[in-house]
Amino acid sequence: MTATNQGEVIMWPRLVANKILKKRLGSNNFVTDFPGNSEDSTLLLETPSFDPEKPLSLSPTTPAPKILNHHKTRHKYKIFVSTWNVGGVEPRDDMNMADWINDTSCDIYVLGFQEIVPLKASNVLGYENSVICSKWNSYIRETLNNKMNYPGDKSKDKNGKSTVEESSNNSESHDYFQCIISKQMVGILITVWVRRNLRPLIRNPSVSCVGCGIMGCLGNKGSVSVRFLLHETSFCFVCCHLASGGRLGDEKLRNSNVAEIMNRTSFPRGPLLDLPRKILDHQRVIFLGDLNYRISLPEATTRTLVDSRDWNALLKRDQLSVELNDGHVFEGWLEGSIKFAPTYKYFPDSDKYYGSYPPARKGEKRRTPAWCDRIIWYGNGLKQHVYDRGESKLSDHRPVKSKFTAQVEVLPSLSLMRGCQSLCLSDKYDKISNQFEVPSTDDRFLCQPRSSSFRT
């Protein structure tokens, strides 16, 4: 063994230990357009006084008074969710993301990536490449904010071209769509964008990373989960990259990864201990990513059925569908009907499946087509309208995308709250209080600042 190799052996445990510690200590940090204090710090606010000269206002991070909870109504928001294994390929300068992000009507965009960097040892054990992360976010920002027409939010430059209006205050993003969370773990990246007028309604954003790769703990495989509250409803999105392998029984490794992610993902409970902590504690949950489940058929049979576009015959042997139906994994979860071709594995910059043409060389691994890239959901209040794939040829995977409508519980409007304020200050309130016993309230409202963050 050479001196160099001896040094590598000595360094390996140290690198692994540092990587594990770094993941545990840094898992709650994320990138956002809205820098603030650490989520671990808290601020307690007194119950607002009813001053008739001042309008009633609540911080976006402050829950509304509990006395009005029984007046909650429901709103609906449109959510675009997509996953894409980009195979370690950086976004190209001439790349057109319009095929991938082609729906312009949604309120929230949740975009998950796998392998934004090649999964080699230097990337798994080293520091995350934030340059690649920023590059993807820049393309997303440009796509969401430049291709759409927003009434009242655009002006014409001297050449007559529409541009998003700039504000004199440059301390905060004034894009129509803004990033509330972006988190990377090795090759996994999840980034969440919302309409600007929706952003103040988002509370308690947080992230949780789980590594399931090398030694069962490193981030070449695993998940990055994000959670937040929209109005009074909790959302959790889990972007993952599960164990690979096309051999019989490899689906059990993926099932084990899912169990690890469910057990080890944990979010802060907040100082009042009233925030959901585990994935399934949330009211609306969506799982997206390269789940890597394959089709349990001989390769020749699979290719023949793919060529004939017999999706139903293939889905009967699709490992995720079988495992889900048998209750071995994702019990109680739902997936929409798959009516698109398998998304893996293609020759890059080609619409030909790997191994189909030209014939594989001797000793070269073959890859049978499969629906590796999936989006599934859990909980009531979510309705899927679109489940489809994109056709970008950047990598050996095709992106998968979905559109949901989500029901969200909403507290009464400020106008109703001001009406309650006026009632409490009027003579009528004194008359009512004489007839009924009104319990005193000394509720305190929690304002949980956003996690430490940076402008993308």
Protein backbone atom coordinates (compact mmCIF):
# COMPACT_ATOMS: atom_id res chain seq x y z
CA MET A 1 0.00 0.00 0.00
CA THR A 2 1.39 3.37 -1.00
CA ALA A 3 1.74 6.30 1.39
CA THR A 4 -1.05 8.04 -0.46
CA ASN A 5 -3.39 5.11 0.00
CA GLN A 6 -2.45 4.85 3.67
CA GLY A 7 -3.32 8.51 4.11
CA GLU A 8 -6.69 7.96 2.44
CA VAL A 9 -7.44 5.08 4.83
CA ILE A 10 -6.53 7.27 7.81
CA MET A 11 -8.59 10.19 6.53
CA TRP A 12 -11.71 8.18 5.64
CA PRO A 13 -13.11 7.73 9.21
CA ARG A 14 -12.36 11.36 10.00
CA LEU A 15 -14.15 12.56 6.88
CA VAL A 16 -17.13 10.34 7.60
CA ALA A 17 -17.33 11.53 11.20
CA ASN A 18 -17.09 15.17 10.16
CA LYS A 19 -19.75 14.64 7.54
CA ILE A 20 -22.16 13.02 10.00
CA LEU A 21 -21.61 15.77 12.57
CA LYS A 22 -22.02 18.45 9.95
CA LYS A 23 -25.32 16.97 8.82
CA ARG A 24 -26.69 16.82 12.34
CA LEU A 25 -25.59 20.29 13.30
CA GLY A 26 -26.49 22.04 10.07
CA SER A 27 -29.71 20.33 9.08
CA ASN A 28 -31.98 23.21 10.13
CA ASN A 29 -30.29 25.87 8.00
CA PHE A 30 -31.73 26.67 4.60
CA VAL A 31 -31.60 29.27 1.86
CA THR A 32 -34.46 31.75 1.40
CA ASP A 33 -35.26 35.17 -0.01
CA PHE A 34 -36.22 36.28 3.50
CA PRO A 35 -33.35 36.27 5.98
CA GLY A 36 -34.26 36.31 9.64
CA ASN A 37 -33.29 34.94 13.02
CA SER A 38 -32.74 31.29 13.79
CA GLU A 39 -35.91 29.26 14.20
CA ASP A 40 -34.56 28.05 17.51
CA SER A 41 -35.05 31.53 18.96
CA THR A 42 -38.57 32.60 19.90
CA LEU A 43 -40.45 35.75 20.70
CA LEU A 44 -43.55 35.86 22.88
CA LEU A 45 -45.99 38.67 22.20
CA GLU A 46 -48.62 39.88 24.61
CA THR A 47 -52.27 39.57 23.64
CA PRO A 48 -52.95 42.66 21.49
CA SER A 49 -54.94 45.37 23.25
CA PHE A 50 -58.10 46.66 21.63
CA ASP A 51 -57.11 50.24 20.89
CA PRO A 52 -59.92 51.88 18.85
CA GLU A 53 -57.44 54.32 17.31
CA LYS A 54 -55.21 51.57 15.92
CA PRO A 55 -56.11 48.88 13.38
CA LEU A 56 -55.74 45.32 14.51
CA SER A 57 -52.74 43.71 12.85
CA LEU A 58 -51.04 40.37 13.30
CA SER A 59 -47.53 39.38 12.31
CA PRO A 60 -47.41 36.77 9.50
CA THR A 61 -45.69 34.49 11.99
CA THR A 62 -48.25 35.06 14.74
CA PRO A 63 -51.26 32.74 15.17
CA ALA A 64 -54.61 34.48 15.28
CA PRO A 65 -56.64 34.55 18.52
CA LYS A 66 -57.90 31.14 19.55
CA ILE A 67 -61.31 32.59 20.41
CA LEU A 68 -62.00 32.81 16.66
CA ASN A 69 -60.82 29.31 15.71
CA HIS A 70 -64.36 28.00 15.36
CA HIS A 71 -64.98 30.55 12.61
CA LYS A 72 -62.36 29.01 10.29
CA THR A 73 -63.21 28.82 6.61
CA ARG A 74 -61.51 26.96 3.78
CA HIS A 75 -59.62 28.32 0.82
CA LYS A 76 -58.14 26.43 -2.11
CA TYR A 77 -54.62 26.89 -3.46
CA LYS A 78 -52.99 25.37 -6.53
CA ILE A 79 -49.67 23.60 -6.01
CA PHE A 80 -47.21 22.52 -8.70
CA VAL A 81 -44.92 19.66 -7.63
CA SER A 82 -42.12 18.19 -9.73
CA THR A 83 -39.13 15.87 -9.35
CA TRP A 84 -36.14 15.42 -11.62
CA ASN A 85 -32.97 13.34 -11.40
CA VAL A 86 -30.56 15.46 -13.45
CA GLY A 87 -27.78 12.87 -13.42
CA GLY A 88 -25.02 15.18 -12.19
CA VAL A 89 -25.42 17.44 -15.21
CA GLU A 90 -25.29 21.19 -14.59
CA PRO A 91 -28.01 23.36 -16.13
CA ARG A 92 -26.88 24.67 -19.50
CA ASP A 93 -26.88 28.35 -20.34
CA ASP A 94 -29.24 27.75 -23.26
CA MET A 95 -31.55 25.42 -21.33
CA ASN A 96 -35.26 26.09 -21.70
CA MET A 97 -37.15 25.09 -18.56
CA ALA A 98 -40.53 25.96 -20.06
CA ASP A 99 -41.19 22.31 -20.90
CA TRP A 100 -40.67 21.36 -17.27
CA ILE A 101 -42.33 24.31 -15.54
CA ASN A 102 -45.07 24.85 -18.07
CA ASP A 103 -48.02 25.62 -15.79
CA THR A 104 -48.36 29.32 -15.03
CA SER A 105 -51.44 29.27 -12.83
CA CYS A 106 -50.25 27.82 -9.51
CA ASP A 107 -49.75 29.55 -6.18
CA ILE A 108 -46.93 27.35 -4.88
CA TYR A 109 -44.12 25.57 -6.74
CA VAL A 110 -42.25 22.70 -5.08
CA LEU A 111 -39.34 21.47 -7.19
CA GLY A 112 -37.18 18.52 -6.18
CA PHE A 113 -33.90 17.38 -7.71
CA GLN A 114 -31.66 14.39 -7.33
CA GLU A 115 -28.00 14.16 -8.37
CA ILE A 116 -27.46 17.86 -8.90
CA VAL A 117 -23.82 16.82 -8.41
CA PRO A 118 -22.22 13.48 -9.37
CA LEU A 119 -22.40 11.05 -6.47
CA LYS A 120 -18.66 10.50 -6.13
CA ALA A 121 -16.76 10.33 -2.83
CA SER A 122 -15.54 13.93 -2.92
CA ASN A 123 -19.12 15.20 -3.18
CA VAL A 124 -20.59 12.76 -0.65
CA LEU A 125 -17.91 13.47 1.97
CA GLY A 126 -17.13 17.07 1.10
CA TYR A 127 -19.07 20.29 1.41
CA GLU A 128 -22.17 20.92 -0.68
CA ASN A 129 -21.60 22.77 -3.94
CA SER A 130 -23.73 25.83 -3.29
CA VAL A 131 -22.81 27.22 -6.72
CA ILE A 132 -24.80 24.48 -8.46
CA CYS A 133 -27.71 24.99 -6.07
CA SER A 134 -27.70 28.73 -6.77
CA LYS A 135 -27.53 28.09 -10.49
CA TRP A 136 -30.66 25.94 -10.45
CA ASN A 137 -32.48 28.47 -8.28
CA SER A 138 -31.52 31.27 -10.66
CA TYR A 139 -33.02 29.38 -13.59
CA ILE A 140 -36.18 28.69 -11.61
CA ARG A 141 -36.47 32.35 -10.59
CA GLU A 142 -36.06 33.48 -14.18
CA THR A 143 -38.55 30.93 -15.49
CA LEU A 144 -41.26 31.74 -12.94
CA ASN A 145 -40.89 35.52 -13.08
CA ASN A 146 -40.04 36.26 -16.71
CA LYS A 147 -42.31 34.00 -18.73
CA MET A 148 -45.61 34.96 -17.12
CA ASN A 149 -47.92 37.96 -17.38
CA TYR A 150 -48.87 39.38 -14.01
CA PRO A 151 -51.58 42.05 -14.08
CA GLY A 152 -50.35 45.22 -12.42
CA ASP A 153 -46.93 43.78 -11.65
CA LYS A 154 -45.11 44.60 -14.86
CA SER A 155 -44.06 47.71 -16.69
CA LYS A 156 -42.55 48.43 -20.08
CA ASP A 157 -38.91 49.32 -20.56
CA LYS A 158 -37.73 51.77 -23.23
CA ASN A 159 -37.79 48.99 -25.82
CA GLY A 160 -41.38 48.05 -24.97
CA LYS A 161 -40.35 44.83 -23.24
CA SER A 162 -42.27 43.78 -20.13
CA THR A 163 -40.18 43.68 -16.98
CA VAL A 164 -40.95 43.01 -13.34
CA GLU A 165 -41.11 46.33 -11.53
CA GLU A 166 -38.20 47.07 -9.22
CA SER A 167 -38.66 48.65 -5.82
CA SER A 168 -36.39 51.26 -4.32
CA ASN A 169 -36.04 48.91 -1.38
CA ASN A 170 -33.50 46.34 -2.51
CA SER A 171 -33.23 44.56 0.83
CA GLU A 172 -35.91 42.06 -0.14
CA SER A 173 -36.87 40.24 -3.31
CA HIS A 174 -39.73 41.85 -5.23
CA ASP A 175 -40.15 39.07 -7.76
CA TYR A 176 -43.69 37.92 -8.31
CA PHE A 177 -42.57 34.43 -7.17
CA GLN A 178 -40.18 34.23 -4.24
CA CYS A 179 -38.20 31.43 -2.64
CA ILE A 180 -39.25 30.59 0.91
CA ILE A 181 -37.10 27.47 1.35
CA SER A 182 -34.21 25.93 -0.58
CA LYS A 183 -32.25 23.08 0.97
CA GLN A 184 -29.50 20.83 -0.40
CA MET A 185 -28.02 17.59 0.93
CA VAL A 186 -25.26 16.29 -1.37
CA GLY A 187 -27.17 15.71 -4.64
CA ILE A 188 -30.69 16.22 -3.28
CA LEU A 189 -32.18 19.70 -3.59
CA ILE A 190 -35.70 20.87 -2.78
CA THR A 191 -36.77 24.43 -3.43
CA VAL A 192 -40.17 26.01 -2.66
CA TRP A 193 -41.51 29.16 -4.35
CA VAL A 194 -44.72 31.06 -3.60
CA ARG A 195 -46.55 34.05 -5.00
CA ARG A 196 -45.41 37.25 -3.33
CA ASN A 197 -48.84 38.07 -1.90
CA LEU A 198 -48.97 34.58 -0.36
CA ARG A 199 -45.61 34.75 1.37
CA PRO A 200 -46.82 36.66 4.50
CA LEU A 201 -49.28 33.82 5.13
CA ILE A 202 -46.45 31.26 5.41
CA ARG A 203 -45.31 30.47 8.95
CA ASN A 204 -42.78 28.21 10.70
CA PRO A 205 -40.73 27.01 7.71
CA SER A 206 -38.25 24.30 8.64
CA VAL A 207 -36.20 21.50 7.09
CA SER A 208 -35.02 18.04 8.11
CA CYS A 209 -32.35 15.92 6.38
CA VAL A 210 -31.97 12.14 6.60
CA GLY A 211 -29.00 10.32 5.06
CA CYS A 212 -29.58 6.66 4.11
CA GLY A 213 -26.58 6.11 1.85
CA ILE A 214 -23.06 4.88 2.60
CA MET A 215 -22.84 3.34 6.11
CA GLY A 216 -26.60 3.97 6.38
CA CYS A 217 -26.12 7.62 7.22
CA LEU A 218 -24.43 9.57 4.42
CA GLY A 219 -26.35 11.76 2.01
CA ASN A 220 -25.74 10.12 -1.35
CA LYS A 221 -29.17 8.57 -0.68
CA GLY A 222 -31.87 9.79 1.67
CA SER A 223 -34.28 12.71 1.91
CA VAL A 224 -34.63 16.42 2.45
CA SER A 225 -38.02 17.36 3.91
CA VAL A 226 -39.51 20.83 4.25
CA ARG A 227 -42.51 21.92 6.25
CA PHE A 228 -44.47 25.13 6.73
CA LEU A 229 -47.89 26.35 7.76
CA LEU A 230 -50.07 28.10 5.19
CA HIS A 231 -52.76 29.93 7.12
CA GLU A 232 -53.71 27.26 9.70
CA THR A 233 -52.85 24.15 7.65
CA SER A 234 -49.52 22.29 7.87
CA PHE A 235 -47.71 21.08 4.74
CA CYS A 236 -44.78 18.67 4.44
CA PHE A 237 -42.90 17.90 1.21
CA VAL A 238 -40.35 15.07 1.19
CA CYS A 239 -37.79 15.00 -1.64
CA CYS A 240 -35.87 11.76 -1.68
CA HIS A 241 -33.43 9.52 -3.55
CA LEU A 242 -33.84 5.89 -2.53
CA ALA A 243 -31.54 2.88 -2.95
CA SER A 244 -30.84 1.88 -6.54
CA GLY A 245 -30.60 -1.62 -8.02
CA GLY A 246 -32.58 -3.70 -10.48
CA ARG A 247 -32.07 -7.12 -8.93
CA LEU A 248 -34.86 -9.17 -7.43
CA GLY A 249 -35.34 -8.11 -3.82
CA ASP A 250 -33.80 -4.66 -4.16
CA GLU A 251 -37.24 -3.18 -3.60
CA LYS A 252 -36.85 -4.21 0.06
CA LEU A 253 -33.87 -1.87 0.36
CA ARG A 254 -36.05 0.96 -0.89
CA ASN A 255 -38.79 0.01 1.56
CA SER A 256 -36.19 0.16 4.32
CA ASN A 257 -35.10 3.64 3.18
CA VAL A 258 -38.70 4.82 3.38
CA ALA A 259 -39.03 3.46 6.92
CA GLU A 260 -35.79 5.24 7.92
CA ILE A 261 -37.00 8.52 6.45
CA MET A 262 -40.34 8.26 8.24
CA ASN A 263 -38.71 7.41 11.57
CA ARG A 264 -35.76 9.82 11.51
CA THR A 265 -37.29 12.94 9.97
CA SER A 266 -38.04 15.39 12.75
CA PHE A 267 -39.02 19.06 12.83
CA PRO A 268 -38.93 21.54 15.75
CA ARG A 269 -42.08 21.49 17.85
CA GLY A 270 -41.91 25.17 18.69
CA PRO A 271 -41.95 26.71 22.20
CA LEU A 272 -45.65 25.91 22.66
CA LEU A 273 -45.09 22.31 21.51
CA ASP A 274 -48.00 22.63 19.09
CA LEU A 275 -46.24 22.24 15.73
CA PRO A 276 -46.18 18.89 13.89
CA ARG A 277 -42.92 17.05 14.39
CA LYS A 278 -43.04 13.90 12.24
CA ILE A 279 -43.92 13.64 8.55
CA LEU A 280 -47.33 12.05 9.06
CA ASP A 281 -48.25 14.57 11.76
CA HIS A 282 -48.78 17.14 9.01
CA GLN A 283 -52.16 17.65 7.36
CA ARG A 284 -50.99 17.71 3.72
CA VAL A 285 -48.00 15.51 2.82
CA ILE A 286 -46.42 14.96 -0.61
CA PHE A 287 -43.53 12.56 -1.28
CA LEU A 288 -41.52 13.17 -4.46
CA GLY A 289 -38.26 11.96 -5.89
CA ASP A 290 -36.28 9.21 -7.56
CA LEU A 291 -37.82 6.36 -5.60
CA ASN A 292 -35.93 3.89 -7.84
CA TYR A 293 -38.62 1.20 -7.85
CA ARG A 294 -38.34 -0.96 -10.96
CA ILE A 295 -40.52 -3.30 -13.03
CA SER A 296 -40.30 -6.99 -12.05
CA LEU A 297 -40.32 -8.44 -15.55
CA PRO A 298 -37.61 -9.82 -17.85
CA GLU A 299 -35.85 -7.03 -19.70
CA ALA A 300 -37.00 -8.19 -23.14
CA THR A 301 -40.63 -8.37 -21.99
CA THR A 302 -40.44 -4.92 -20.43
CA ARG A 303 -38.98 -3.37 -23.58
CA THR A 304 -41.64 -5.01 -25.74
CA LEU A 305 -44.44 -3.67 -23.53
CA VAL A 306 -42.84 -0.22 -23.48
CA ASP A 307 -42.65 -0.19 -27.28
CA SER A 308 -46.35 -1.13 -27.47
CA ARG A 309 -47.18 1.47 -24.76
CA ASP A 310 -49.02 -1.14 -22.69
CA TRP A 311 -48.76 0.77 -19.43
CA ASN A 312 -51.39 -1.31 -17.63
CA ALA A 313 -49.47 -4.56 -18.14
CA LEU A 314 -46.27 -2.92 -16.93
CA LEU A 315 -47.91 -1.34 -13.88
CA LYS A 316 -49.12 -4.74 -12.70
CA ARG A 317 -45.46 -5.59 -12.13
CA ASP A 318 -44.32 -2.14 -11.06
CA GLN A 319 -42.62 -2.61 -7.70
CA LEU A 320 -43.95 0.54 -6.05
CA SER A 321 -47.52 -0.24 -7.11
CA VAL A 322 -47.21 -3.82 -5.85
CA GLU A 323 -45.55 -2.87 -2.55
CA LEU A 324 -48.06 -0.10 -1.95
CA ASN A 325 -51.06 -2.30 -2.71
CA ASP A 326 -49.71 -5.09 -0.49
CA GLY A 327 -49.20 -2.65 2.39
CA HIS A 328 -45.44 -3.22 2.58
CA VAL A 329 -44.68 0.49 2.20
CA PHE A 330 -46.56 3.80 2.12
CA GLU A 331 -49.67 2.34 3.71
CA GLY A 332 -52.59 4.70 3.14
CA TRP A 333 -50.77 6.80 0.53
CA LEU A 334 -52.19 7.62 -2.91
CA GLU A 335 -50.76 7.91 -6.40
CA GLY A 336 -52.47 9.16 -9.53
CA SER A 337 -52.92 7.09 -12.66
CA ILE A 338 -49.72 6.72 -14.68
CA LYS A 339 -50.42 7.31 -18.35
CA PHE A 340 -46.93 8.21 -19.48
CA ALA A 341 -43.85 6.27 -20.56
CA PRO A 342 -41.24 5.12 -18.03
CA THR A 343 -38.92 7.98 -17.10
CA TYR A 344 -35.67 5.96 -16.79
CA LYS A 345 -33.13 5.27 -18.30
CA TYR A 346 -32.38 7.29 -21.45
CA PHE A 347 -29.26 8.10 -23.35
CA PRO A 348 -28.58 11.77 -22.47
CA ASP A 349 -29.68 14.17 -25.25
CA SER A 350 -31.73 11.35 -26.76
CA ASP A 351 -35.22 9.91 -26.72
CA LYS A 352 -33.82 6.34 -26.86
CA TYR A 353 -33.80 4.11 -23.82
CA TYR A 354 -30.38 2.99 -22.62
CA GLY A 355 -29.44 -0.44 -23.98
CA SER A 356 -32.01 -0.44 -26.73
CA TYR A 357 -29.78 0.93 -29.49
CA PRO A 358 -26.96 0.45 -30.15
CA PRO A 359 -26.59 -2.96 -28.44
CA ALA A 360 -24.84 -2.81 -25.08
CA ARG A 361 -21.15 -3.56 -25.17
CA LYS A 362 -19.77 -6.65 -23.45
CA GLY A 363 -19.56 -6.10 -19.71
CA GLU A 364 -21.62 -2.90 -19.88
CA LYS A 365 -24.51 -2.66 -17.42
CA ARG A 366 -27.95 -2.66 -18.96
CA ARG A 367 -30.80 -0.57 -17.57
CA THR A 368 -34.37 -1.74 -18.05
CA PRO A 369 -36.95 1.07 -18.48
CA ALA A 370 -38.77 1.89 -15.24
CA TRP A 371 -40.95 4.50 -13.52
CA CYS A 372 -38.25 5.48 -11.01
CA ASP A 373 -39.49 9.06 -10.59
CA ARG A 374 -42.77 9.37 -8.68
CA ILE A 375 -45.05 11.72 -6.76
CA ILE A 376 -47.43 10.34 -4.11
CA TRP A 377 -49.43 11.98 -1.33
CA TYR A 378 -51.01 11.37 2.06
CA GLY A 379 -53.90 12.96 3.90
CA ASN A 380 -57.22 14.55 3.03
CA GLY A 381 -57.58 17.93 1.40
CA LEU A 382 -55.39 17.23 -1.65
CA LYS A 383 -56.80 16.66 -5.12
CA GLN A 384 -54.55 15.82 -8.04
CA HIS A 385 -55.42 17.26 -11.45
CA VAL A 386 -52.27 16.50 -13.48
CA TYR A 387 -49.73 13.68 -13.32
CA ASP A 388 -47.38 13.70 -16.27
CA ARG A 389 -43.76 13.84 -17.38
CA GLY A 390 -41.65 16.43 -19.16
CA GLU A 391 -39.46 15.74 -22.16
CA SER A 392 -36.22 17.53 -21.33
CA LYS A 393 -33.24 15.48 -22.55
CA LEU A 394 -30.69 16.99 -20.18
CA SER A 395 -30.17 13.76 -18.20
CA ASP A 396 -30.93 10.04 -18.32
CA HIS A 397 -34.20 10.67 -16.44
CA ARG A 398 -37.27 12.58 -17.52
CA PRO A 399 -38.83 15.02 -15.03
CA VAL A 400 -42.20 14.13 -13.52
CA LYS A 401 -44.70 16.81 -12.55
CA SER A 402 -48.07 17.09 -10.88
CA LYS A 403 -50.64 19.73 -10.10
CA PHE A 404 -52.76 19.66 -6.94
CA THR A 405 -55.52 21.68 -5.38
CA ALA A 406 -55.06 21.93 -1.61
CA GLN A 407 -57.74 22.90 0.87
CA VAL A 408 -56.43 25.23 3.56
CA GLU A 409 -58.08 26.30 6.81
CA VAL A 410 -58.22 30.08 7.11
CA LEU A 411 -58.99 32.25 10.10
CA PRO A 412 -61.49 35.11 9.73
CA SER A 413 -60.42 38.18 7.81
CA LEU A 414 -59.10 41.21 9.64
CA SER A 415 -62.35 43.03 8.83
CA LEU A 416 -64.28 40.47 10.89
CA MET A 417 -61.71 40.73 13.67
CA ARG A 418 -62.04 44.51 13.65
CA GLY A 419 -65.80 44.02 13.91
CA CYS A 420 -65.23 41.90 17.00
CA GLN A 421 -62.92 44.62 18.28
CA SER A 422 -65.61 47.27 17.81
CA LEU A 423 -68.17 45.09 19.55
CA CYS A 424 -65.88 44.62 22.54
CA LEU A 425 -65.47 48.39 22.83
CA SER A 426 -69.13 49.25 22.49
CA ASP A 427 -71.88 49.64 25.09
CA LYS A 428 -73.54 46.56 23.61
CA TYR A 429 -70.68 44.45 24.91
CA ASP A 430 -71.35 45.60 28.47
CA LYS A 431 -75.00 44.62 28.12
CA ILE A 432 -74.11 41.23 26.67
CA SER A 433 -71.50 40.54 29.33
CA ASN A 434 -74.09 41.20 32.05
CA GLN A 435 -76.30 38.43 30.62
CA PHE A 436 -73.67 35.83 29.89
CA GLU A 437 -70.59 34.65 31.71
CA VAL A 438 -67.68 35.42 29.45
CA PRO A 439 -64.44 33.63 30.44
CA SER A 440 -61.39 35.85 30.60
CA THR A 441 -58.60 35.15 28.17
CA ASP A 442 -54.93 35.62 28.67
CA ASP A 443 -53.70 33.89 25.53
CA ARG A 444 -50.23 34.70 24.37
CA PHE A 445 -49.24 34.57 20.75
CA LEU A 446 -46.12 32.98 19.50
CA CYS A 447 -44.05 34.65 16.81
CA GLN A 448 -41.51 32.20 15.48
CA PRO A 449 -38.85 33.96 13.37
CA ARG A 450 -37.63 32.37 10.18
CA SER A 451 -34.50 30.27 10.06
CA SER A 452 -31.16 31.88 9.34
CA SER A 453 -31.01 32.29 5.60
CA PHE A 454 -29.47 33.89 2.59
CA ARG A 455 -30.63 35.52 -0.61
CA THR A 456 -30.35 33.10 -3.54
